[in-house]
């Protein structure tokens, strides 16, 4: 029987339920975006891999939640991406070798979407030295420069000027590429965001500002916090803009490719607002009981879960069957469990490590060019 994600609020020990509980199947196979050029050329193997990546994100996040709430192996903040998987995977799936990506603190999905392995990600959450940021960053600071993934930033909107900077570097060096700069709907009113919009428009920077609009910022609905349409604010900066549904994997790919092409070919910035939804609170410490009803979450899971919709689509396309679905799910669960075991067995950073990775020249004195001394107290 096909795996089903519906009818439950996302807890650490969710179980699958019968697929008949999911009401989104009727529309899953008729996405107009499935016929877009960027999607028509996909092979069956590629579609399966995208589905697998989305499911790996979901299972990794559920394992993180168990490590945090039940086992208490993770401290600090934990911002889960459950419900938004089609956004990260859809956007990153159309990246090319000269494209870069940067995001905010809900960064697990993007990290996995660009190909980061689960072991160093879970180890980072555990604060272990084998983590992708050597145990010093935690949930909000995943990085992998080798995959052109620049984080993972904890300041609301703080990554947006950096994304514009990545685009500036591409243009300065004459590289035909683009910077995908993700931000949440809660960041759109930050001054630094609008400063970045302004400079990107003034200098024709090849950047796509992607607003992952999950509707609630930290805990206040968009209707109560932000006037007007979020993406339409691009008109004030003479930038192109668009809106798409984040539960439709094909639509996310089609929309992202359109604006990436504008950045690569014409060095023009744009804003893409992707309507999505998070099943958990802003962070795990968020009680999530004061600003939305549980029924609202369950309704979205029942009708618009991005993984279930894509699964139904691939079944309709005769690409997935029950046996393969169960196999992919079992493998994703096992990989997530193995990552937790790896993190648990890994050592913590040493006391001496606290002074490392602060300034590059201090760790590489033979190549030091600046003057002066650096003190660590």
Protein backbone atom coordinates (compact mmCIF):
# COMPACT_ATOMS: atom_id res chain seq x y z
CA UNK A 1 0.00 0.00 0.00
CA UNK A 2 1.42 3.46 -0.87
CA UNK A 3 2.92 5.31 2.06
CA UNK A 4 0.68 8.06 3.41
CA UNK A 5 1.64 11.13 5.42
CA UNK A 6 -1.81 12.43 6.24
CA UNK A 7 -4.29 12.67 9.06
CA UNK A 8 -1.80 13.25 11.85
CA UNK A 9 0.03 16.15 13.35
CA UNK A 10 3.76 15.57 12.86
CA UNK A 11 5.09 13.94 16.00
CA UNK A 12 8.35 12.14 16.56
CA UNK A 13 6.72 8.73 16.30
CA UNK A 14 4.27 9.25 13.41
CA UNK A 15 3.04 6.07 11.75
CA UNK A 16 1.84 5.72 8.18
CA UNK A 17 -1.90 5.50 7.61
CA UNK A 18 -3.99 4.21 4.75
CA UNK A 19 -3.71 6.18 1.51
CA UNK A 20 -7.49 6.45 1.28
CA UNK A 21 -7.25 9.14 3.99
CA UNK A 22 -5.43 11.44 1.60
CA UNK A 23 -7.70 13.63 -0.55
CA UNK A 24 -5.08 15.22 -2.80
CA UNK A 25 -4.72 12.34 -5.25
CA UNK A 26 -7.24 13.64 -7.74
CA UNK A 27 -5.22 16.75 -8.55
CA UNK A 28 -1.79 15.23 -8.20
CA UNK A 29 -1.63 13.74 -11.67
CA UNK A 30 -2.91 16.79 -13.55
CA UNK A 31 -0.36 19.46 -12.63
CA UNK A 32 -0.06 21.77 -15.61
CA UNK A 33 3.58 22.30 -14.76
CA UNK A 34 4.29 18.63 -15.45
CA UNK A 35 4.21 19.57 -19.14
CA UNK A 36 6.72 22.42 -18.77
CA UNK A 37 9.92 21.88 -20.76
CA UNK A 38 12.06 21.68 -17.63
CA UNK A 39 9.90 18.79 -16.36
CA UNK A 40 9.08 16.91 -19.55
CA UNK A 41 12.74 16.09 -20.09
CA UNK A 42 13.10 14.44 -16.67
CA UNK A 43 13.80 10.71 -16.72
CA UNK A 44 12.01 8.24 -14.48
CA UNK A 45 15.24 7.74 -12.54
CA UNK A 46 15.57 11.47 -11.89
CA UNK A 47 11.99 11.73 -10.65
CA UNK A 48 12.50 8.81 -8.31
CA UNK A 49 15.66 10.43 -6.95
CA UNK A 50 13.83 13.72 -6.29
CA UNK A 51 11.07 11.80 -4.50
CA UNK A 52 13.74 9.95 -2.51
CA UNK A 53 15.40 13.22 -1.49
CA UNK A 54 12.13 14.70 -0.29
CA UNK A 55 11.44 11.59 1.77
CA UNK A 56 14.99 11.56 3.16
CA UNK A 57 14.44 15.13 4.38
CA UNK A 58 11.18 14.12 6.08
CA UNK A 59 12.69 11.07 7.78
CA UNK A 60 15.81 12.98 8.84
CA UNK A 61 13.65 15.70 10.39
CA UNK A 62 11.49 13.19 12.23
CA UNK A 63 14.63 11.53 13.60
CA UNK A 64 15.94 14.94 14.67
CA UNK A 65 12.72 15.55 16.56
CA UNK A 66 13.07 12.27 18.42
CA UNK A 67 16.67 13.06 19.29
CA UNK A 68 15.61 16.46 20.59
CA UNK A 69 12.42 15.71 22.48
CA UNK A 70 12.76 12.13 23.65
CA UNK A 71 16.46 11.41 23.80
CA UNK A 72 17.60 14.98 24.57
CA UNK A 73 20.72 14.59 22.46
CA UNK A 74 20.21 17.93 20.67
CA UNK A 75 20.33 21.28 22.46
CA UNK A 76 19.61 24.83 21.41
CA UNK A 77 17.17 25.56 18.61
CA UNK A 78 15.70 23.12 16.12
CA UNK A 79 13.78 24.55 13.16
CA UNK A 80 12.12 21.72 11.26
CA UNK A 81 11.35 21.79 7.54
CA UNK A 82 8.55 19.21 7.61
CA UNK A 83 5.90 20.18 5.07
CA UNK A 84 8.16 22.35 2.90
CA UNK A 85 10.25 19.62 1.22
CA UNK A 86 9.11 20.32 -2.35
CA UNK A 87 10.47 23.86 -2.12
CA UNK A 88 14.10 23.05 -1.34
CA UNK A 89 14.25 19.99 -3.59
CA UNK A 90 12.38 21.67 -6.42
CA UNK A 91 14.50 24.82 -6.38
CA UNK A 92 17.86 23.11 -5.94
CA UNK A 93 17.04 20.53 -8.60
CA UNK A 94 17.34 23.17 -11.33
CA UNK A 95 20.65 24.60 -10.13
CA UNK A 96 23.65 24.47 -12.45
CA UNK A 97 27.35 24.22 -11.66
CA UNK A 98 27.76 28.00 -11.43
CA UNK A 99 24.73 28.61 -9.19
CA UNK A 100 24.94 29.19 -5.44
CA UNK A 101 22.42 28.89 -2.62
CA UNK A 102 22.06 30.57 0.76
CA UNK A 103 19.22 30.40 3.26
CA UNK A 104 18.04 31.24 6.76
CA UNK A 105 17.97 29.05 9.86
CA UNK A 106 15.37 26.51 8.64
CA UNK A 107 18.20 25.04 6.59
CA UNK A 108 18.12 21.23 6.91
CA UNK A 109 16.06 20.67 3.77
CA UNK A 110 18.28 22.80 1.57
CA UNK A 111 21.41 21.08 2.86
CA UNK A 112 20.08 17.65 1.94
CA UNK A 113 18.68 18.95 -1.35
CA UNK A 114 22.15 20.08 -2.51
CA UNK A 115 23.59 16.68 -1.64
CA UNK A 116 25.06 16.98 1.84
CA UNK A 117 25.21 13.53 3.53
CA UNK A 118 23.14 12.97 6.66
CA UNK A 119 25.94 11.88 9.01
CA UNK A 120 27.72 15.25 9.32
CA UNK A 121 24.35 17.02 9.46
CA UNK A 122 23.12 14.99 12.42
CA UNK A 123 26.53 15.22 14.07
CA UNK A 124 26.32 19.00 13.78
CA UNK A 125 22.96 18.95 15.56
CA UNK A 126 24.56 16.85 18.30
CA UNK A 127 27.39 19.39 18.64
CA UNK A 128 30.01 16.85 17.61
CA UNK A 129 33.34 17.57 15.93
CA UNK A 130 32.37 15.39 12.94
CA UNK A 131 29.58 17.83 12.12
CA UNK A 132 29.57 19.88 8.93
CA UNK A 133 30.51 22.97 10.99
CA UNK A 134 32.66 20.98 13.45
CA UNK A 135 29.94 21.06 16.08
CA UNK A 136 30.07 24.85 16.43
CA UNK A 137 27.02 25.82 14.41
CA UNK A 138 24.15 23.55 15.30
CA UNK A 139 20.79 23.47 13.57
CA UNK A 140 20.95 26.98 12.12
CA UNK A 141 24.41 26.86 10.58
CA UNK A 142 24.85 24.08 8.06
CA UNK A 143 27.50 24.88 5.43
CA UNK A 144 29.16 23.15 2.49
CA UNK A 145 31.19 25.44 0.21
CA UNK A 146 32.12 22.45 -1.98
CA UNK A 147 28.46 22.26 -2.98
CA UNK A 148 28.13 26.06 -3.22
CA UNK A 149 25.89 25.99 -0.15
CA UNK A 150 26.58 29.02 2.04
CA UNK A 151 24.30 28.33 5.02
CA UNK A 152 22.31 28.45 7.31
CA UNK A 153 22.07 31.93 9.03
CA UNK A 154 20.50 32.70 12.40
CA UNK A 155 19.74 36.42 11.99
CA UNK A 156 16.33 37.08 10.46
CA UNK A 157 17.00 38.41 6.97
CA UNK A 158 20.75 38.48 7.57
CA UNK A 159 21.47 36.09 4.72
CA UNK A 160 19.70 38.26 2.11
CA UNK A 161 22.46 40.88 1.71
CA UNK A 162 24.95 37.99 1.61
CA UNK A 163 22.97 36.43 -1.21
CA UNK A 164 23.18 39.71 -3.08
CA UNK A 165 26.92 39.63 -2.39
CA UNK A 166 27.21 36.17 -3.93
CA UNK A 167 25.45 37.49 -7.01
CA UNK A 168 27.75 40.53 -7.10
CA UNK A 169 30.78 38.22 -7.03
CA UNK A 170 29.41 36.21 -9.95
CA UNK A 171 28.88 39.35 -12.00
CA UNK A 172 32.24 40.85 -10.99
CA UNK A 173 34.05 37.69 -12.08
CA UNK A 174 32.08 37.39 -15.29
CA UNK A 175 30.61 34.01 -14.32
CA UNK A 176 27.23 33.16 -15.85
CA UNK A 177 25.50 31.90 -12.73
CA UNK A 178 22.90 32.88 -10.15
CA UNK A 179 22.45 33.11 -6.39
CA UNK A 180 19.33 31.50 -4.95
CA UNK A 181 18.65 33.47 -1.80
CA UNK A 182 15.97 31.97 0.44
CA UNK A 183 14.13 33.90 3.11
CA UNK A 184 10.95 33.42 5.09
CA UNK A 185 7.81 35.53 5.08
CA UNK A 186 8.86 36.85 8.48
CA UNK A 187 11.98 38.43 7.01
CA UNK A 188 10.34 40.53 4.30
CA UNK A 189 9.91 43.55 6.55
CA UNK A 190 13.54 43.69 7.66
CA UNK A 191 15.42 46.78 6.52
CA UNK A 192 18.43 44.76 5.36
CA UNK A 193 16.18 42.79 3.00
CA UNK A 194 15.01 45.94 1.26
CA UNK A 195 18.52 47.31 1.11
CA UNK A 196 19.53 44.10 -0.66
CA UNK A 197 16.56 44.39 -3.04
CA UNK A 198 17.57 47.96 -3.84
CA UNK A 199 21.22 47.18 -4.57
CA UNK A 200 20.34 44.08 -6.57
CA UNK A 201 18.06 46.18 -8.78
CA UNK A 202 20.49 49.10 -9.07
CA UNK A 203 23.40 46.88 -10.06
CA UNK A 204 21.48 44.24 -12.05
CA UNK A 205 22.69 41.38 -9.90
CA UNK A 206 21.95 37.77 -10.92
CA UNK A 207 20.00 36.83 -7.81
CA UNK A 208 16.64 35.13 -7.21
CA UNK A 209 15.14 36.07 -3.86
CA UNK A 210 12.92 33.13 -2.90
CA UNK A 211 10.35 33.82 -0.20
CA UNK A 212 9.27 30.57 1.46
CA UNK A 213 5.91 31.81 2.68
CA UNK A 214 4.61 29.33 5.24
CA UNK A 215 2.05 31.84 6.43
CA UNK A 216 3.03 32.44 10.03
CA UNK A 217 6.50 33.97 10.35
CA UNK A 218 7.50 33.10 13.91
CA UNK A 219 3.95 32.95 15.24
CA UNK A 220 1.99 35.78 13.63
CA UNK A 221 -0.07 35.25 10.51
CA UNK A 222 0.90 37.08 7.35
CA UNK A 223 -2.46 38.86 7.37
CA UNK A 224 -1.60 40.45 10.71
CA UNK A 225 2.04 41.24 10.01
CA UNK A 226 2.63 42.14 6.35
CA UNK A 227 0.62 44.47 4.15
CA UNK A 228 0.04 43.57 0.52
CA UNK A 229 1.44 40.76 -1.60
CA UNK A 230 4.97 39.86 -0.59
CA UNK A 231 6.41 39.16 -4.04
CA UNK A 232 4.66 42.14 -5.58
CA UNK A 233 6.90 44.43 -3.57
CA UNK A 234 9.42 43.70 -6.32
CA UNK A 235 7.60 46.26 -8.46
CA UNK A 236 8.90 49.00 -6.17
CA UNK A 237 12.40 48.02 -7.25
CA UNK A 238 11.54 47.40 -10.90
CA UNK A 239 12.22 43.67 -10.50
CA UNK A 240 10.40 40.73 -12.03
CA UNK A 241 8.34 38.63 -9.63
CA UNK A 242 6.10 35.60 -9.42
CA UNK A 243 4.15 33.34 -7.08
CA UNK A 244 3.80 29.55 -7.13
CA UNK A 245 2.48 26.71 -4.98
CA UNK A 246 5.12 25.04 -2.84
CA UNK A 247 3.26 21.73 -2.54
CA UNK A 248 3.54 21.13 -6.31
CA UNK A 249 7.05 19.89 -7.06
CA UNK A 250 6.71 20.39 -10.82
CA UNK A 251 5.42 23.94 -10.39
CA UNK A 252 8.31 24.86 -8.08
CA UNK A 253 10.79 23.62 -10.70
CA UNK A 254 9.09 25.49 -13.53
CA UNK A 255 8.91 28.79 -11.65
CA UNK A 256 12.45 28.60 -10.29
CA UNK A 257 13.94 27.78 -13.68
CA UNK A 258 12.21 30.79 -15.22
CA UNK A 259 13.79 33.24 -12.81
CA UNK A 260 17.15 31.48 -12.73
CA UNK A 261 17.31 31.87 -16.51
CA UNK A 262 16.60 35.58 -16.12
CA UNK A 263 19.49 35.85 -13.66
CA UNK A 264 21.95 33.77 -15.70
CA UNK A 265 21.18 35.11 -19.17
CA UNK A 266 20.34 38.75 -18.46
CA UNK A 267 21.86 39.33 -15.01
CA UNK A 268 18.52 40.51 -13.66
CA UNK A 269 17.26 40.05 -10.09
CA UNK A 270 13.78 38.77 -9.23
CA UNK A 271 11.54 37.75 -6.36
CA UNK A 272 9.74 34.40 -6.30
CA UNK A 273 7.21 33.79 -3.54
CA UNK A 274 6.49 30.12 -2.91
CA UNK A 275 3.34 29.39 -0.89
CA UNK A 276 4.13 26.53 1.48
CA UNK A 277 3.33 25.34 5.00
CA UNK A 278 5.17 24.03 8.04
CA UNK A 279 3.58 21.31 10.14
CA UNK A 280 5.63 21.98 13.25
CA UNK A 281 6.08 25.20 15.19
CA UNK A 282 8.53 27.92 14.28
CA UNK A 283 11.02 25.92 16.31
CA UNK A 284 10.55 22.83 18.45
CA UNK A 285 10.26 25.08 21.51
CA UNK A 286 7.26 26.83 19.92
CA UNK A 287 4.06 25.42 21.54
CA UNK A 288 2.19 26.10 18.28
CA UNK A 289 -1.14 26.26 20.12
CA UNK A 290 -1.93 29.96 20.18
CA UNK A 291 -1.91 31.12 16.57
CA UNK A 292 -3.41 28.30 14.48
CA UNK A 293 -5.76 25.39 14.90
CA UNK A 294 -4.65 21.78 14.79
CA UNK A 295 -7.42 21.16 12.28
CA UNK A 296 -5.75 23.57 9.87
CA UNK A 297 -2.51 21.60 9.96
CA UNK A 298 -4.32 18.31 9.48
CA UNK A 299 -6.31 19.68 6.55
CA UNK A 300 -3.13 20.72 4.77
CA UNK A 301 -1.52 17.35 5.44
CA UNK A 302 -4.63 15.60 4.17
CA UNK A 303 -4.93 17.55 0.92
CA UNK A 304 -1.59 19.17 0.06
CA UNK A 305 1.28 17.21 1.59
CA UNK A 306 4.06 17.76 -0.98
CA UNK A 307 5.57 14.29 -0.70
CA UNK A 308 2.23 12.53 -0.90
CA UNK A 309 1.20 14.64 -3.91
CA UNK A 310 4.42 13.87 -5.76
CA UNK A 311 4.13 10.21 -4.82
CA UNK A 312 0.60 10.08 -6.23
CA UNK A 313 1.79 11.79 -9.39
CA UNK A 314 4.60 9.28 -9.91
CA UNK A 315 2.22 6.40 -9.29
CA UNK A 316 -0.11 7.85 -11.92
CA UNK A 317 2.87 8.13 -14.27
CA UNK A 318 3.64 4.45 -13.63
CA UNK A 319 7.04 5.33 -12.20
CA UNK A 320 6.39 4.32 -8.58
CA UNK A 321 4.60 1.27 -7.22
CA UNK A 322 3.86 0.06 -3.70
CA UNK A 323 6.94 -2.12 -3.48
CA UNK A 324 9.32 0.65 -4.55
CA UNK A 325 7.63 3.19 -2.28
CA UNK A 326 8.06 0.95 0.74
CA UNK A 327 11.68 0.23 -0.19
CA UNK A 328 12.57 3.92 -0.53
CA UNK A 329 10.86 4.72 2.74
CA UNK A 330 12.65 1.91 4.60
CA UNK A 331 15.99 3.07 3.23
CA UNK A 332 15.30 6.67 4.26
CA UNK A 333 14.41 5.60 7.79
CA UNK A 334 17.52 3.44 8.05
CA UNK A 335 19.75 6.24 6.79
CA UNK A 336 18.29 8.62 9.36
CA UNK A 337 18.79 6.08 12.15
CA UNK A 338 22.37 5.48 11.05
CA UNK A 339 23.07 9.21 11.10
CA UNK A 340 21.87 9.38 14.71
CA UNK A 341 24.11 6.45 15.64
CA UNK A 342 27.06 8.14 13.90
CA UNK A 343 26.42 11.39 15.74
CA UNK A 344 26.05 9.63 19.07
CA UNK A 345 29.37 7.83 18.64
CA UNK A 346 31.28 10.91 17.48
CA UNK A 347 33.46 12.93 19.87
CA UNK A 348 32.80 16.46 21.04
CA UNK A 349 35.19 19.29 20.08
CA UNK A 350 38.08 19.79 22.48
CA UNK A 351 38.61 22.86 24.62
CA UNK A 352 41.43 23.91 22.28
CA UNK A 353 39.03 23.86 19.34
CA UNK A 354 37.29 26.96 20.65
CA UNK A 355 40.01 29.20 19.20
CA UNK A 356 40.04 27.48 15.82
CA UNK A 357 37.98 28.44 12.78
CA UNK A 358 37.54 31.99 14.06
CA UNK A 359 40.03 33.69 11.75
CA UNK A 360 41.43 31.80 8.78
CA UNK A 361 44.88 33.39 9.11
CA UNK A 362 45.23 32.21 12.69
CA UNK A 363 44.77 28.62 11.53
CA UNK A 364 47.11 29.14 8.56
CA UNK A 365 49.93 31.35 9.95
CA UNK A 366 52.30 30.59 7.06
CA UNK A 367 49.91 32.36 4.70
CA UNK A 368 49.07 35.25 6.98
CA UNK A 369 49.15 38.67 5.30
CA UNK A 370 47.41 41.00 7.76
CA UNK A 371 49.13 42.91 10.55
CA UNK A 372 48.54 42.94 14.28
CA UNK A 373 47.80 40.30 16.87
CA UNK A 374 44.62 38.47 17.73
CA UNK A 375 43.85 37.82 21.40
CA UNK A 376 41.68 35.05 22.77
CA UNK A 377 40.67 35.53 26.38
